[in-house]
Protein backbone atom coordinates (compact mmCIF):
# COMPACT_ATOMS: atom_id res chain seq x y z
CA MET A 1 3.10 167.40 -32.77
CA ALA A 2 1.74 168.68 -29.34
CA SER A 3 2.92 166.94 -26.22
CA SER A 4 -0.62 166.06 -25.48
CA ASN A 5 -0.22 163.48 -28.42
CA ARG A 6 2.73 161.89 -26.70
CA VAL A 7 2.18 158.12 -26.04
CA HIS A 8 2.67 157.24 -22.45
CA VAL A 9 4.31 153.86 -22.08
CA ALA A 10 5.02 151.80 -18.95
CA VAL A 11 8.30 149.91 -19.53
CA GLY A 12 9.76 147.16 -17.45
CA VAL A 13 13.33 146.23 -17.06
CA ILE A 14 13.03 142.71 -15.75
CA GLU A 15 16.13 141.42 -14.05
CA ASP A 16 16.47 137.73 -13.12
CA ALA A 17 18.40 136.19 -10.25
CA ASN A 18 21.43 136.02 -12.55
CA GLY A 19 21.51 139.70 -13.29
CA HIS A 20 20.15 139.02 -16.91
CA ILE A 21 17.59 141.34 -18.56
CA PHE A 22 14.44 140.14 -20.61
CA ILE A 23 14.24 141.58 -23.93
CA SER A 24 11.86 140.67 -26.74
CA CYS A 25 11.75 141.60 -30.59
CA ARG A 26 9.08 143.86 -31.89
CA HIS A 27 6.97 142.56 -34.55
CA PRO A 28 8.21 143.58 -37.88
CA HIS A 29 4.81 145.53 -38.71
CA LEU A 30 4.94 147.58 -35.65
CA HIS A 31 6.67 150.95 -35.12
CA GLN A 32 10.37 150.40 -34.65
CA GLY A 33 9.45 146.77 -35.97
CA GLY A 34 12.38 144.24 -35.87
CA LYS A 35 14.19 145.99 -33.01
CA TRP A 36 14.57 144.74 -29.48
CA GLU A 37 12.87 146.17 -26.59
CA PHE A 38 12.08 146.13 -22.96
CA PRO A 39 8.41 144.85 -22.49
CA GLY A 40 5.61 147.10 -21.57
CA GLY A 41 2.82 149.13 -23.14
CA LYS A 42 0.47 152.16 -23.17
CA VAL A 43 -0.81 153.56 -19.82
CA GLU A 44 -4.61 153.62 -20.19
CA ALA A 45 -6.94 156.35 -18.85
CA ASN A 46 -7.46 156.17 -15.13
CA GLU A 47 -4.73 153.65 -14.65
CA SER A 48 -1.40 154.28 -12.77
CA VAL A 49 1.96 153.61 -14.32
CA TYR A 50 2.56 150.75 -11.84
CA GLU A 51 -0.98 149.21 -12.65
CA ALA A 52 -0.27 149.49 -16.43
CA LEU A 53 3.36 147.97 -15.84
CA CYS A 54 1.60 145.07 -14.06
CA ARG A 55 -1.05 144.57 -16.56
CA GLU A 56 1.30 144.81 -19.54
CA LEU A 57 3.83 142.48 -18.09
CA LEU A 58 1.18 139.79 -17.31
CA GLU A 59 -0.42 140.18 -20.76
CA GLU A 60 2.81 140.05 -22.71
CA CYS A 61 5.24 137.95 -20.81
CA ASN A 62 3.03 135.87 -18.31
CA LEU A 63 4.78 137.50 -15.31
CA THR A 64 3.19 138.76 -12.25
CA VAL A 65 5.15 141.85 -10.86
CA GLN A 66 5.96 141.49 -7.15
CA GLN A 67 8.49 144.08 -6.66
CA ALA A 68 9.28 147.17 -8.91
CA CYS A 69 10.54 150.74 -8.59
CA PRO A 70 10.98 153.63 -10.87
CA LEU A 71 14.27 153.70 -12.88
CA THR A 72 14.10 156.81 -15.14
CA VAL A 73 11.59 158.73 -17.38
CA ILE A 74 12.48 159.37 -21.04
CA THR A 75 10.97 161.47 -23.65
CA HIS A 76 11.82 160.81 -27.28
CA ASP A 77 10.48 162.32 -30.49
CA TYR A 78 10.61 160.01 -33.54
CA SER A 79 9.69 161.77 -36.79
CA ASP A 80 6.27 160.14 -36.59
CA LYS A 81 5.55 159.67 -32.86
CA GLN A 82 6.41 161.04 -29.51
CA VAL A 83 6.87 158.90 -26.50
CA LEU A 84 7.17 159.18 -22.74
CA LEU A 85 8.63 156.01 -21.50
CA ASP A 86 8.10 155.51 -17.73
CA VAL A 87 10.76 152.93 -17.04
CA TRP A 88 10.55 150.59 -13.92
CA MET A 89 13.09 148.12 -12.52
CA VAL A 90 11.33 144.83 -11.86
CA THR A 91 13.53 142.86 -9.49
CA ALA A 92 10.79 140.31 -8.18
CA PHE A 93 8.18 138.52 -10.02
CA SER A 94 6.40 135.15 -10.44
CA GLY A 95 5.26 133.01 -13.43
CA SER A 96 7.04 131.24 -16.15
CA VAL A 97 8.12 133.72 -18.87
CA SER A 98 6.50 133.25 -22.14
CA GLN A 99 5.89 135.73 -24.97
CA GLN A 100 2.19 135.87 -25.25
CA GLU A 101 2.27 137.70 -28.45
CA GLY A 102 4.66 135.60 -30.30
CA GLN A 103 7.66 137.59 -30.36
CA GLN A 104 11.30 136.22 -29.99
CA TRP A 105 12.53 136.88 -26.53
CA ARG A 106 15.65 136.11 -24.45
CA TRP A 107 17.40 136.78 -21.15
CA VAL A 108 20.64 138.82 -21.79
CA PRO A 109 23.57 139.85 -19.58
CA VAL A 110 23.89 143.70 -19.52
CA TYR A 111 27.10 143.72 -21.21
CA GLU A 112 25.51 142.11 -24.30
CA LEU A 113 22.69 144.59 -24.60
CA ASP A 114 24.74 146.68 -27.20
CA ALA A 115 24.83 143.53 -29.60
CA TYR A 116 20.98 144.07 -30.16
CA PRO A 117 19.43 146.87 -32.12
CA PHE A 118 17.00 148.79 -29.91
CA PRO A 119 14.77 151.60 -30.81
CA PRO A 120 16.61 155.12 -30.11
CA ALA A 121 14.35 155.81 -27.13
CA ASN A 122 15.77 152.87 -25.45
CA GLN A 123 19.37 153.72 -25.59
CA PRO A 124 19.09 155.88 -22.28
CA ILE A 125 17.97 152.65 -20.51
CA ILE A 126 20.81 150.59 -21.78
CA GLU A 127 23.29 153.19 -20.52
CA ILE A 128 21.76 153.36 -17.24
CA LEU A 129 21.92 149.61 -16.82
CA GLN A 130 25.58 149.59 -18.03
CA ARG A 131 26.69 152.15 -15.33
CA ARG A 132 25.25 150.22 -12.44
């Protein structure tokens, strides 16, 4: 698969005042369904990664990003899909979290992230968070 077919995704690692991280469970019918993830979504044409991040977190989680900075960029090749995860650390936001798309969600201490099954592309994010 050519890299031009790689799906570019803005990912938000949302941290609350207690240092807990927001995660949600992918719907079973989706790619990597049933696994937990950090919220986000595809970067649309003519949209910056930051704009995509803000749009996706508002649409998915009902959160307005007030402060975020780049954390890492990850490329991962699944057997059926290639992804480019543009990961941002969100440290200030407003709004009451609610999963607008009906997924399970929770706030999790960093040391408990290993207890949740994540897609392989998300493992480097967990490692970065646990080294902080």
